[in-house]
Amino acid sequence: MIALEALAPESAAEMNKTVVHEVGHMMNQAGESAIDGLDVAADHGKTYTGRGHLGGHCAGGIDAVVFGGVGDLGGRADARCVMYGEGSANKLVTFCADCKKFVLAEPLTTLKG
C-alpha cells in the first residue's frame, strides 16, 4: 500500500522516485526470498526490514558500520538505491548494482501487488 504522503510529493522528480520505488516492491525488490538462483544474503547482503522503515529495503551506499548496527536507518543521505526506505534530495531513480541483479532475474509475468 502506498502511503498518503507518497501521493503528494513536492515535485515531479520526487513522484518519479516514488513510482520507481513502489514498482520495485511489486517486482519483489529488496525482498527476502531467492530469485532464479540468487540468494539475498549472499548476492545482495545489504537489505533490511524495519529499522525505521516498513517492508524490505536496500541499504546500498550506506556505510557498512552503520548498516551492521541495530539502530534506525531513517534519514540517510548516503543511500544510493531507489529501494532505500525513504526519499531524500540525493536519492537516485535507479537500482544499485546489487538490486539490479535481482531486477534482471525477476520473471515479470505478473507484478506482486
PDB file of N, CA and C in Angstrom:
ATOM      1  N   MET A   1       0.841  -1.174   0.000  1.00  0.00           N
ATOM      2  CA  MET A   1       0.000   0.000   0.000  1.00  0.00           C
ATOM      3  C   MET A   1       0.889   1.240   0.000  1.00  0.00           C
ATOM      4  N   ILE A   2       0.552   2.226  -0.794  1.00  0.00           N
ATOM      5  CA  ILE A   2       1.314   3.467  -0.879  1.00  0.00           C
ATOM      6  C   ILE A   2       0.841   4.422   0.208  1.00  0.00           C
ATOM      7  N   ALA A   3       1.800   4.995   0.927  1.00  0.00           N
ATOM      8  CA  ALA A   3       1.459   5.959   1.979  1.00  0.00           C
ATOM      9  C   ALA A   3       0.842   7.201   1.360  1.00  0.00           C
ATOM     10  N   LEU A   4      -0.048   7.842   2.090  1.00  0.00           N
ATOM     11  CA  LEU A   4      -0.712   9.047   1.605  1.00  0.00           C
ATOM     12  C   LEU A   4       0.294  10.117   1.209  1.00  0.00           C
ATOM     13  N   GLU A   5       1.376  10.242   1.965  1.00  0.00           N
ATOM     14  CA  GLU A   5       2.397  11.250   1.654  1.00  0.00           C
ATOM     15  C   GLU A   5       3.012  11.010   0.278  1.00  0.00           C
ATOM     16  N   ALA A   6       3.079   9.760  -0.140  1.00  0.00           N
ATOM     17  CA  ALA A   6       3.673   9.435  -1.439  1.00  0.00           C
ATOM     18  C   ALA A   6       2.807   9.923  -2.591  1.00  0.00           C
ATOM     19  N   LEU A   7       1.546  10.190  -2.338  1.00  0.00           N
ATOM     20  CA  LEU A   7       0.650  10.641  -3.398  1.00  0.00           C
ATOM     21  C   LEU A   7       0.747  12.143  -3.650  1.00  0.00           C
ATOM     22  N   ALA A   8       1.412  12.864  -2.769  1.00  0.00           N
ATOM     23  CA  ALA A   8       1.526  14.316  -2.910  1.00  0.00           C
ATOM     24  C   ALA A   8       2.978  14.752  -2.736  1.00  0.00           C
ATOM     25  N   PRO A   9       3.894  14.302  -3.625  1.00  0.00           N
ATOM     26  CA  PRO A   9       5.296  14.673  -3.489  1.00  0.00           C
ATOM     27  C   PRO A   9       5.498  16.151  -3.793  1.00  0.00           C
ATOM     28  N   GLU A  10       6.639  16.658  -3.413  1.00  0.00           N
ATOM     29  CA  GLU A  10       6.929  18.074  -3.609  1.00  0.00           C
ATOM     30  C   GLU A  10       7.221  18.420  -5.062  1.00  0.00           C
ATOM     31  N   SER A  11       7.609  17.453  -5.872  1.00  0.00           N
ATOM     32  CA  SER A  11       7.947  17.750  -7.260  1.00  0.00           C
ATOM     33  C   SER A  11       7.720  16.525  -8.134  1.00  0.00           C
ATOM     34  N   ALA A  12       7.760  16.751  -9.437  1.00  0.00           N
ATOM     35  CA  ALA A  12       7.616  15.640 -10.374  1.00  0.00           C
ATOM     36  C   ALA A  12       8.769  14.651 -10.206  1.00  0.00           C
ATOM     37  N   ALA A  13       9.972  15.147  -9.915  1.00  0.00           N
ATOM     38  CA  ALA A  13      11.122  14.261  -9.718  1.00  0.00           C
ATOM     39  C   ALA A  13      10.899  13.355  -8.516  1.00  0.00           C
ATOM     40  N   GLU A  14      10.342  13.890  -7.442  1.00  0.00           N
ATOM     41  CA  GLU A  14      10.048  13.077  -6.268  1.00  0.00           C
ATOM     42  C   GLU A  14       8.973  12.044  -6.588  1.00  0.00           C
ATOM     43  N   MET A  15       7.998  12.410  -7.400  1.00  0.00           N
ATOM     44  CA  MET A  15       6.957  11.456  -7.805  1.00  0.00           C
ATOM     45  C   MET A  15       7.585  10.315  -8.604  1.00  0.00           C
ATOM     46  N   ASN A  16       8.505  10.636  -9.513  1.00  0.00           N
ATOM     47  CA  ASN A  16       9.187   9.598 -10.289  1.00  0.00           C
ATOM     48  C   ASN A  16       9.915   8.627  -9.372  1.00  0.00           C
ATOM     49  N   LYS A  17      10.620   9.143  -8.375  1.00  0.00           N
ATOM     50  CA  LYS A  17      11.347   8.294  -7.435  1.00  0.00           C
ATOM     51  C   LYS A  17      10.387   7.378  -6.684  1.00  0.00           C
ATOM     52  N   THR A  18       9.275   7.934  -6.256  1.00  0.00           N
ATOM     53  CA  THR A  18       8.292   7.159  -5.503  1.00  0.00           C
ATOM     54  C   THR A  18       7.689   6.054  -6.370  1.00  0.00           C
ATOM     55  N   VAL A  19       7.358   6.375  -7.610  1.00  0.00           N
ATOM     56  CA  VAL A  19       6.765   5.380  -8.512  1.00  0.00           C
ATOM     57  C   VAL A  19       7.753   4.249  -8.778  1.00  0.00           C
ATOM     58  N   VAL A  20       9.017   4.570  -9.089  1.00  0.00           N
ATOM     59  CA  VAL A  20      10.017   3.529  -9.344  1.00  0.00           C
ATOM     60  C   VAL A  20      10.196   2.667  -8.095  1.00  0.00           C
ATOM     61  N   HIS A  21      10.247   3.291  -6.922  1.00  0.00           N
ATOM     62  CA  HIS A  21      10.404   2.561  -5.662  1.00  0.00           C
ATOM     63  C   HIS A  21       9.236   1.589  -5.445  1.00  0.00           C
ATOM     64  N   GLU A  22       8.018   2.072  -5.623  1.00  0.00           N
ATOM     65  CA  GLU A  22       6.849   1.226  -5.387  1.00  0.00           C
ATOM     66  C   GLU A  22       6.734   0.113  -6.428  1.00  0.00           C
ATOM     67  N   VAL A  23       7.068   0.401  -7.679  1.00  0.00           N
ATOM     68  CA  VAL A  23       7.088  -0.655  -8.699  1.00  0.00           C
ATOM     69  C   VAL A  23       8.167  -1.675  -8.341  1.00  0.00           C
ATOM     70  N   GLY A  24       9.290  -1.201  -7.801  1.00  0.00           N
ATOM     71  CA  GLY A  24      10.337  -2.111  -7.335  1.00  0.00           C
ATOM     72  C   GLY A  24       9.808  -3.097  -6.308  1.00  0.00           C
ATOM     73  N   HIS A  25       8.995  -2.615  -5.372  1.00  0.00           N
ATOM     74  CA  HIS A  25       8.384  -3.527  -4.396  1.00  0.00           C
ATOM     75  C   HIS A  25       7.503  -4.545  -5.102  1.00  0.00           C
ATOM     76  N   MET A  26       6.749  -4.121  -6.089  1.00  0.00           N
ATOM     77  CA  MET A  26       5.878  -5.037  -6.821  1.00  0.00           C
ATOM     78  C   MET A  26       6.682  -6.078  -7.604  1.00  0.00           C
ATOM     79  N   MET A  27       7.950  -5.750  -7.906  1.00  0.00           N
ATOM     80  CA  MET A  27       8.840  -6.663  -8.621  1.00  0.00           C
ATOM     81  C   MET A  27       9.685  -7.485  -7.647  1.00  0.00           C
ATOM     82  N   ASN A  28       9.314  -7.513  -6.371  1.00  0.00           N
ATOM     83  CA  ASN A  28       9.989  -8.285  -5.331  1.00  0.00           C
ATOM     84  C   ASN A  28      11.394  -7.778  -5.027  1.00  0.00           C
ATOM     85  N   GLN A  29      11.669  -6.515  -5.285  1.00  0.00           N
ATOM     86  CA  GLN A  29      12.993  -5.978  -4.989  1.00  0.00           C
ATOM     87  C   GLN A  29      13.131  -5.705  -3.499  1.00  0.00           C
ATOM     88  N   ALA A  30      14.314  -5.961  -2.976  1.00  0.00           N
ATOM     89  CA  ALA A  30      14.618  -5.850  -1.546  1.00  0.00           C
ATOM     90  C   ALA A  30      13.765  -6.823  -0.745  1.00  0.00           C
ATOM     91  N   GLY A  31      13.336  -7.880  -1.400  1.00  0.00           N
ATOM     92  CA  GLY A  31      12.566  -8.913  -0.714  1.00  0.00           C
ATOM     93  C   GLY A  31      13.476  -9.848   0.061  1.00  0.00           C
ATOM     94  N   GLU A  32      12.903 -10.825   0.671  1.00  0.00           N
ATOM     95  CA  GLU A  32      13.671 -11.756   1.487  1.00  0.00           C
ATOM     96  C   GLU A  32      13.822 -13.126   0.839  1.00  0.00           C
ATOM     97  N   SER A  33      13.227 -13.318  -0.341  1.00  0.00           N
ATOM     98  CA  SER A  33      13.281 -14.633  -0.971  1.00  0.00           C
ATOM     99  C   SER A  33      14.262 -14.642  -2.135  1.00  0.00           C
ATOM    100  N   ALA A  34      14.778 -15.836  -2.426  1.00  0.00           N
ATOM    101  CA  ALA A  34      15.704 -16.009  -3.536  1.00  0.00           C
ATOM    102  C   ALA A  34      14.957 -15.913  -4.861  1.00  0.00           C
ATOM    103  N   ILE A  35      15.658 -15.448  -5.879  1.00  0.00           N
ATOM    104  CA  ILE A  35      15.091 -15.304  -7.213  1.00  0.00           C
ATOM    105  C   ILE A  35      16.035 -15.982  -8.206  1.00  0.00           C
ATOM    106  N   ASP A  36      15.545 -16.953  -8.944  1.00  0.00           N
ATOM    107  CA  ASP A  36      16.287 -17.560 -10.038  1.00  0.00           C
ATOM    108  C   ASP A  36      17.755 -17.825  -9.695  1.00  0.00           C
ATOM    109  N   GLY A  37      17.991 -18.505  -8.586  1.00  0.00           N
ATOM    110  CA  GLY A  37      19.347 -18.877  -8.215  1.00  0.00           C
ATOM    111  C   GLY A  37      20.109 -17.834  -7.421  1.00  0.00           C
ATOM    112  N   LEU A  38      19.558 -16.656  -7.238  1.00  0.00           N
ATOM    113  CA  LEU A  38      20.220 -15.634  -6.433  1.00  0.00           C
ATOM    114  C   LEU A  38      19.802 -15.794  -4.975  1.00  0.00           C
ATOM    115  N   ASP A  39      20.712 -15.545  -4.083  1.00  0.00           N
ATOM    116  CA  ASP A  39      20.433 -15.605  -2.657  1.00  0.00           C
ATOM    117  C   ASP A  39      20.568 -14.192  -2.094  1.00  0.00           C
ATOM    118  N   VAL A  40      19.524 -13.705  -1.427  1.00  0.00           N
ATOM    119  CA  VAL A  40      19.518 -12.323  -0.939  1.00  0.00           C
ATOM    120  C   VAL A  40      20.710 -12.065  -0.028  1.00  0.00           C
ATOM    121  N   ALA A  41      20.966 -12.944   0.931  1.00  0.00           N
ATOM    122  CA  ALA A  41      22.065 -12.719   1.879  1.00  0.00           C
ATOM    123  C   ALA A  41      23.428 -12.764   1.185  1.00  0.00           C
ATOM    124  N   ALA A  42      23.619 -13.733   0.303  1.00  0.00           N
ATOM    125  CA  ALA A  42      24.919 -13.895  -0.343  1.00  0.00           C
ATOM    126  C   ALA A  42      25.130 -12.948  -1.520  1.00  0.00           C
ATOM    127  N   ASP A  43      24.091 -12.697  -2.300  1.00  0.00           N
ATOM    128  CA  ASP A  43      24.236 -11.918  -3.529  1.00  0.00           C
ATOM    129  C   ASP A  43      23.867 -10.452  -3.382  1.00  0.00           C
ATOM    130  N   HIS A  44      23.224 -10.084  -2.295  1.00  0.00           N
ATOM    131  CA  HIS A  44      22.911  -8.675  -2.053  1.00  0.00           C
ATOM    132  C   HIS A  44      23.480  -8.258  -0.715  1.00  0.00           C
ATOM    133  N   GLY A  45      22.974  -8.823   0.344  1.00  0.00           N
ATOM    134  CA  GLY A  45      23.536  -8.605   1.669  1.00  0.00           C
ATOM    135  C   GLY A  45      23.145  -7.325   2.375  1.00  0.00           C
ATOM    136  N   LYS A  46      22.831  -6.280   1.638  1.00  0.00           N
ATOM    137  CA  LYS A  46      22.500  -5.011   2.283  1.00  0.00           C
ATOM    138  C   LYS A  46      21.018  -4.680   2.155  1.00  0.00           C
ATOM    139  N   THR A  47      20.182  -5.654   2.428  1.00  0.00           N
ATOM    140  CA  THR A  47      18.750  -5.386   2.504  1.00  0.00           C
ATOM    141  C   THR A  47      18.351  -5.437   3.969  1.00  0.00           C
ATOM    142  N   TYR A  48      17.288  -4.760   4.302  1.00  0.00           N
ATOM    143  CA  TYR A  48      16.843  -4.745   5.689  1.00  0.00           C
ATOM    144  C   TYR A  48      15.337  -4.599   5.751  1.00  0.00           C
ATOM    145  N   THR A  49      14.784  -5.076   6.848  1.00  0.00           N
ATOM    146  CA  THR A  49      13.370  -4.919   7.157  1.00  0.00           C
ATOM    147  C   THR A  49      13.304  -4.215   8.501  1.00  0.00           C
ATOM    148  N   GLY A  50      12.436  -3.246   8.613  1.00  0.00           N
ATOM    149  CA  GLY A  50      12.337  -2.492   9.861  1.00  0.00           C
ATOM    150  C   GLY A  50      13.376  -1.384   9.915  1.00  0.00           C
ATOM    151  N   ARG A  51      13.940  -1.178  11.074  1.00  0.00           N
ATOM    152  CA  ARG A  51      14.969  -0.151  11.281  1.00  0.00           C
ATOM    153  C   ARG A  51      14.493   1.229  10.809  1.00  0.00           C
ATOM    154  N   GLY A  52      13.234   1.520  11.088  1.00  0.00           N
ATOM    155  CA  GLY A  52      12.685   2.827  10.751  1.00  0.00           C
ATOM    156  C   GLY A  52      11.851   2.852   9.483  1.00  0.00           C
ATOM    157  N   HIS A  53      11.777   1.738   8.767  1.00  0.00           N
ATOM    158  CA  HIS A  53      11.017   1.662   7.521  1.00  0.00           C
ATOM    159  C   HIS A  53      10.118   0.437   7.542  1.00  0.00           C
ATOM    160  N   LEU A  54       9.090   0.439   6.717  1.00  0.00           N
ATOM    161  CA  LEU A  54       8.184  -0.701   6.614  1.00  0.00           C
ATOM    162  C   LEU A  54       8.547  -1.540   5.401  1.00  0.00           C
ATOM    163  N   GLY A  55       8.589  -2.845   5.553  1.00  0.00           N
ATOM    164  CA  GLY A  55       8.889  -3.738   4.438  1.00  0.00           C
ATOM    165  C   GLY A  55      10.375  -3.844   4.157  1.00  0.00           C
ATOM    166  N   GLY A  56      10.705  -4.609   3.112  1.00  0.00           N
ATOM    167  CA  GLY A  56      12.096  -4.815   2.734  1.00  0.00           C
ATOM    168  C   GLY A  56      12.644  -3.636   1.952  1.00  0.00           C
ATOM    169  N   HIS A  57      13.887  -3.254   2.256  1.00  0.00           N
ATOM    170  CA  HIS A  57      14.533  -2.130   1.583  1.00  0.00           C
ATOM    171  C   HIS A  57      16.019  -2.388   1.390  1.00  0.00           C
ATOM    172  N   CYS A  58      16.642  -1.585   0.573  1.00  0.00           N
ATOM    173  CA  CYS A  58      18.063  -1.705   0.248  1.00  0.00           C
ATOM    174  C   CYS A  58      18.857  -0.632   0.994  1.00  0.00           C
ATOM    175  N   ALA A  59      20.035  -1.010   1.446  1.00  0.00           N
ATOM    176  CA  ALA A  59      20.931  -0.071   2.124  1.00  0.00           C
ATOM    177  C   ALA A  59      22.156   0.226   1.271  1.00  0.00           C
ATOM    178  N   GLY A  60      22.012   0.126  -0.063  1.00  0.00           N
ATOM    179  CA  GLY A  60      23.123   0.421  -0.960  1.00  0.00           C
ATOM    180  C   GLY A  60      23.671   1.819  -0.731  1.00  0.00           C
ATOM    181  N   GLY A  61      24.991   1.914  -0.530  1.00  0.00           N
ATOM    182  CA  GLY A  61      25.649   3.200  -0.296  1.00  0.00           C
ATOM    183  C   GLY A  61      25.818   3.533   1.167  1.00  0.00           C
ATOM    184  N   ILE A  62      25.062   2.886   2.038  1.00  0.00           N
ATOM    185  CA  ILE A  62      25.166   3.158   3.466  1.00  0.00           C
ATOM    186  C   ILE A  62      26.410   2.464   4.017  1.00  0.00           C
ATOM    187  N   ASP A  63      27.176   3.186   4.801  1.00  0.00           N
ATOM    188  CA  ASP A  63      28.415   2.682   5.376  1.00  0.00           C
ATOM    189  C   ASP A  63      28.190   1.332   6.060  1.00  0.00           C
ATOM    190  N   ALA A  64      29.113   0.407   5.855  1.00  0.00           N
ATOM    191  CA  ALA A  64      28.982  -0.947   6.395  1.00  0.00           C
ATOM    192  C   ALA A  64      28.860  -0.953   7.916  1.00  0.00           C
ATOM    193  N   VAL A  65      29.560  -0.057   8.594  1.00  0.00           N
ATOM    194  CA  VAL A  65      29.491   0.004  10.053  1.00  0.00           C
ATOM    195  C   VAL A  65      28.093   0.429  10.494  1.00  0.00           C
ATOM    196  N   VAL A  66      27.527   1.443   9.822  1.00  0.00           N
ATOM    197  CA  VAL A  66      26.176   1.905  10.146  1.00  0.00           C
ATOM    198  C   VAL A  66      25.177   0.807   9.833  1.00  0.00           C
ATOM    199  N   PHE A  67      25.300   0.187   8.663  1.00  0.00           N
ATOM    200  CA  PHE A  67      24.385  -0.870   8.259  1.00  0.00           C
ATOM    201  C   PHE A  67      24.447  -2.048   9.228  1.00  0.00           C
ATOM    202  N   GLY A  68      25.636  -2.382   9.686  1.00  0.00           N
ATOM    203  CA  GLY A  68      25.829  -3.520  10.582  1.00  0.00           C
ATOM    204  C   GLY A  68      25.318  -3.301  11.997  1.00  0.00           C
ATOM    205  N   GLY A  69      24.907  -2.097  12.320  1.00  0.00           N
ATOM    206  CA  GLY A  69      24.380  -1.801  13.654  1.00  0.00           C
ATOM    207  C   GLY A  69      22.930  -2.223  13.791  1.00  0.00           C
ATOM    208  N   VAL A  70      22.286  -1.712  14.829  1.00  0.00           N
ATOM    209  CA  VAL A  70      20.906  -2.104  15.093  1.00  0.00           C
ATOM    210  C   VAL A  70      19.952  -0.919  15.094  1.00  0.00           C
ATOM    211  N   GLY A  71      20.460   0.291  14.920  1.00  0.00           N
ATOM    212  CA  GLY A  71      19.618   1.478  15.013  1.00  0.00           C
ATOM    213  C   GLY A  71      18.793   1.759  13.776  1.00  0.00           C
ATOM    214  N   ASP A  72      18.063   2.833  13.843  1.00  0.00           N
ATOM    215  CA  ASP A  72      17.199   3.322  12.777  1.00  0.00           C
ATOM    216  C   ASP A  72      18.047   3.712  11.570  1.00  0.00           C
ATOM    217  N   LEU A  73      17.630   3.317  10.374  1.00  0.00           N
ATOM    218  CA  LEU A  73      18.324   3.712   9.146  1.00  0.00           C
ATOM    219  C   LEU A  73      17.609   4.857   8.443  1.00  0.00           C
ATOM    220  N   GLY A  74      16.680   5.509   9.118  1.00  0.00           N
ATOM    221  CA  GLY A  74      15.954   6.619   8.521  1.00  0.00           C
ATOM    222  C   GLY A  74      16.823   7.838   8.304  1.00  0.00           C
ATOM    223  N   GLY A  75      16.492   8.612   7.263  1.00  0.00           N
ATOM    224  CA  GLY A  75      17.142   9.888   7.014  1.00  0.00           C
ATOM    225  C   GLY A  75      18.577   9.810   6.542  1.00  0.00           C
ATOM    226  N   ARG A  76      18.969   8.719   5.935  1.00  0.00           N
ATOM    227  CA  ARG A  76      20.358   8.569   5.473  1.00  0.00           C
ATOM    228  C   ARG A  76      20.545   9.265   4.131  1.00  0.00           C
ATOM    229  N   ALA A  77      21.412  10.269   4.093  1.00  0.00           N
ATOM    230  CA  ALA A  77      21.702  10.978   2.846  1.00  0.00           C
ATOM    231  C   ALA A  77      22.652  10.190   1.957  1.00  0.00           C
ATOM    232  N   ASP A  78      23.298   9.164   2.507  1.00  0.00           N
ATOM    233  CA  ASP A  78      24.272   8.393   1.730  1.00  0.00           C
ATOM    234  C   ASP A  78      23.660   7.198   1.004  1.00  0.00           C
ATOM    235  N   ALA A  79      22.366   6.964   1.162  1.00  0.00           N
ATOM    236  CA  ALA A  79      21.701   5.854   0.460  1.00  0.00           C
ATOM    237  C   ALA A  79      21.741   6.122  -1.038  1.00  0.00           C
ATOM    238  N   ARG A  80      22.065   5.086  -1.814  1.00  0.00           N
ATOM    239  CA  ARG A  80      22.247   5.254  -3.256  1.00  0.00           C
ATOM    240  C   ARG A  80      21.413   4.320  -4.104  1.00  0.00           C
ATOM    241  N   CYS A  81      20.264   3.900  -3.579  1.00  0.00           N
ATOM    242  CA  CYS A  81      19.402   3.000  -4.343  1.00  0.00           C
ATOM    243  C   CYS A  81      17.962   3.469  -4.224  1.00  0.00           C
ATOM    244  N   VAL A  82      17.219   3.340  -5.294  1.00  0.00           N
ATOM    245  CA  VAL A  82      15.810   3.722  -5.268  1.00  0.00           C
ATOM    246  C   VAL A  82      15.020   2.848  -4.295  1.00  0.00           C
ATOM    247  N   MET A  83      15.562   1.692  -3.924  1.00  0.00           N
ATOM    248  CA  MET A  83      14.871   0.814  -2.984  1.00  0.00           C
ATOM    249  C   MET A  83      15.216   1.106  -1.527  1.00  0.00           C
ATOM    250  N   TYR A  84      15.919   2.195  -1.258  1.00  0.00           N
ATOM    251  CA  TYR A  84      16.111   2.637   0.120  1.00  0.00           C
ATOM    252  C   TYR A  84      14.730   3.003   0.674  1.00  0.00           C
ATOM    253  N   GLY A  85      14.564   2.978   1.981  1.00  0.00           N
ATOM    254  CA  GLY A  85      13.251   3.086   2.591  1.00  0.00           C
ATOM    255  C   GLY A  85      12.583   4.432   2.605  1.00  0.00           C
ATOM    256  N   GLU A  86      13.221   5.477   2.174  1.00  0.00           N
ATOM    257  CA  GLU A  86      12.560   6.781   2.155  1.00  0.00           C
ATOM    258  C   GLU A  86      13.249   7.691   1.150  1.00  0.00           C
ATOM    259  N   GLY A  87      12.551   8.718   0.725  1.00  0.00           N
ATOM    260  CA  GLY A  87      13.112   9.657  -0.229  1.00  0.00           C
ATOM    261  C   GLY A  87      14.110  10.597   0.411  1.00  0.00           C
ATOM    262  N   SER A  88      14.998  11.099  -0.385  1.00  0.00           N
ATOM    263  CA  SER A  88      15.932  12.129   0.052  1.00  0.00           C
ATOM    264  C   SER A  88      16.303  12.944  -1.176  1.00  0.00           C
ATOM    265  N   ALA A  89      16.825  14.116  -0.957  1.00  0.00           N
ATOM    266  CA  ALA A  89      17.137  15.018  -2.069  1.00  0.00           C
ATOM    267  C   ALA A  89      18.109  14.397  -3.054  1.00  0.00           C
ATOM    268  N   ASN A  90      19.008  13.530  -2.588  1.00  0.00           N
ATOM    269  CA  ASN A  90      20.010  12.946  -3.481  1.00  0.00           C
ATOM    270  C   ASN A  90      19.659  11.535  -3.924  1.00  0.00           C
ATOM    271  N   LYS A  91      18.454  11.073  -3.601  1.00  0.00           N
ATOM    272  CA  LYS A  91      18.065   9.712  -3.965  1.00  0.00           C
ATOM    273  C   LYS A  91      17.975   9.564  -5.485  1.00  0.00           C
ATOM    274  N   LEU A  92      18.574   8.516  -5.972  1.00  0.00           N
ATOM    275  CA  LEU A  92      18.559   8.257  -7.407  1.00  0.00           C
ATOM    276  C   LEU A  92      17.270   7.548  -7.802  1.00  0.00           C
ATOM    277  N   VAL A  93      16.960   7.576  -9.085  1.00  0.00           N
ATOM    278  CA  VAL A  93      15.783   6.873  -9.597  1.00  0.00           C
ATOM    279  C   VAL A  93      16.238   5.565 -10.232  1.00  0.00           C
ATOM    280  N   THR A  94      17.323   5.006  -9.725  1.00  0.00           N
ATOM    281  CA  THR A  94      17.869   3.774 -10.280  1.00  0.00           C
ATOM    282  C   THR A  94      18.101   2.757  -9.171  1.00  0.00           C
ATOM    283  N   PHE A  95      18.215   1.512  -9.584  1.00  0.00           N
ATOM    284  CA  PHE A  95      18.544   0.437  -8.665  1.00  0.00           C
ATOM    285  C   PHE A  95      20.064   0.359  -8.542  1.00  0.00           C
ATOM    286  N   CYS A  96      20.567   0.057  -7.351  1.00  0.00           N
ATOM    287  CA  CYS A  96      22.009  -0.108  -7.166  1.00  0.00           C
ATOM    288  C   CYS A  96      22.453  -1.366  -7.925  1.00  0.00           C
ATOM    289  N   ALA A  97      23.758  -1.577  -8.036  1.00  0.00           N
ATOM    290  CA  ALA A  97      24.281  -2.731  -8.769  1.00  0.00           C
ATOM    291  C   ALA A  97      23.790  -4.049  -8.185  1.00  0.00           C
ATOM    292  N   ASP A  98      23.661  -4.115  -6.859  1.00  0.00           N
ATOM    293  CA  ASP A  98      23.185  -5.354  -6.240  1.00  0.00           C
ATOM    294  C   ASP A  98      21.714  -5.598  -6.551  1.00  0.00           C
ATOM    295  N   CYS A  99      20.884  -4.565  -6.427  1.00  0.00           N
ATOM    296  CA  CYS A  99      19.457  -4.729  -6.725  1.00  0.00           C
ATOM    297  C   CYS A  99      19.230  -5.015  -8.203  1.00  0.00           C
ATOM    298  N   LYS A 100      20.051  -4.432  -9.053  1.00  0.00           N
ATOM    299  CA  LYS A 100      19.871  -4.614 -10.499  1.00  0.00           C
ATOM    300  C   LYS A 100      19.937  -6.095 -10.887  1.00  0.00           C
ATOM    301  N   LYS A 101      20.798  -6.872 -10.214  1.00  0.00           N
ATOM    302  CA  LYS A 101      20.875  -8.313 -10.493  1.00  0.00           C
ATOM    303  C   LYS A 101      19.519  -8.978 -10.240  1.00  0.00           C
ATOM    304  N   PHE A 102      18.841  -8.530  -9.181  1.00  0.00           N
ATOM    305  CA  PHE A 102      17.544  -9.106  -8.835  1.00  0.00           C
ATOM    306  C   PHE A 102      16.452  -8.605  -9.781  1.00  0.00           C
ATOM    307  N   VAL A 103      16.544  -7.358 -10.217  1.00  0.00           N
ATOM    308  CA  VAL A 103      15.587  -6.817 -11.186  1.00  0.00           C
ATOM    309  C   VAL A 103      15.650  -7.639 -12.472  1.00  0.00           C
ATOM    310  N   LEU A 104      16.864  -7.898 -12.949  1.00  0.00           N
ATOM    311  CA  LEU A 104      17.034  -8.631 -14.202  1.00  0.00           C
ATOM    312  C   LEU A 104      16.629 -10.102 -14.081  1.00  0.00           C
ATOM    313  N   ALA A 105      16.706 -10.669 -12.883  1.00  0.00           N
ATOM    314  CA  ALA A 105      16.388 -12.085 -12.698  1.00  0.00           C
ATOM    315  C   ALA A 105      14.900 -12.320 -12.423  1.00  0.00           C
ATOM    316  N   GLU A 106      14.175 -11.289 -12.021  1.00  0.00           N
ATOM    317  CA  GLU A 106      12.763 -11.460 -11.653  1.00  0.00           C
ATOM    318  C   GLU A 106      11.896 -11.724 -12.891  1.00  0.00           C
ATOM    319  N   PRO A 107      11.176 -12.840 -12.928  1.00  0.00           N
ATOM    320  CA  PRO A 107      10.272 -13.088 -14.059  1.00  0.00           C
ATOM    321  C   PRO A 107       9.047 -12.204 -13.922  1.00  0.00           C
ATOM    322  N   LEU A 108       8.925 -11.236 -14.782  1.00  0.00           N
ATOM    323  CA  LEU A 108       7.871 -10.239 -14.645  1.00  0.00           C
ATOM    324  C   LEU A 108       6.621 -10.586 -15.452  1.00  0.00           C
ATOM    325  N   THR A 109       6.165 -11.805 -15.293  1.00  0.00           N
ATOM    326  CA  THR A 109       4.913 -12.174 -15.946  1.00  0.00           C
ATOM    327  C   THR A 109       3.726 -11.581 -15.215  1.00  0.00           C
ATOM    328  N   THR A 110       3.880 -11.382 -13.920  1.00  0.00           N
ATOM    329  CA  THR A 110       2.865 -10.689 -13.122  1.00  0.00           C
ATOM    330  C   THR A 110       3.581  -9.855 -12.073  1.00  0.00           C
ATOM    331  N   LEU A 111       2.991  -8.761 -11.685  1.00  0.00           N
ATOM    332  CA  LEU A 111       3.565  -7.942 -10.623  1.00  0.00           C
ATOM    333  C   LEU A 111       2.884  -8.318  -9.318  1.00  0.00           C
ATOM    334  N   LYS A 112       3.668  -8.298  -8.241  1.00  0.00           N
ATOM    335  CA  LYS A 112       3.138  -8.643  -6.919  1.00  0.00           C
ATOM    336  C   LYS A 112       2.596  -7.371  -6.281  1.00  0.00           C
ATOM    337  N   GLY A 113       1.350  -7.265  -6.090  1.00  0.00           N
ATOM    338  CA  GLY A 113       0.862  -6.050  -5.502  1.00  0.00           C
ATOM    339  C   GLY A 113      -0.464  -6.145  -4.992  1.00  0.00           C
TER     340      GLY A 113
END
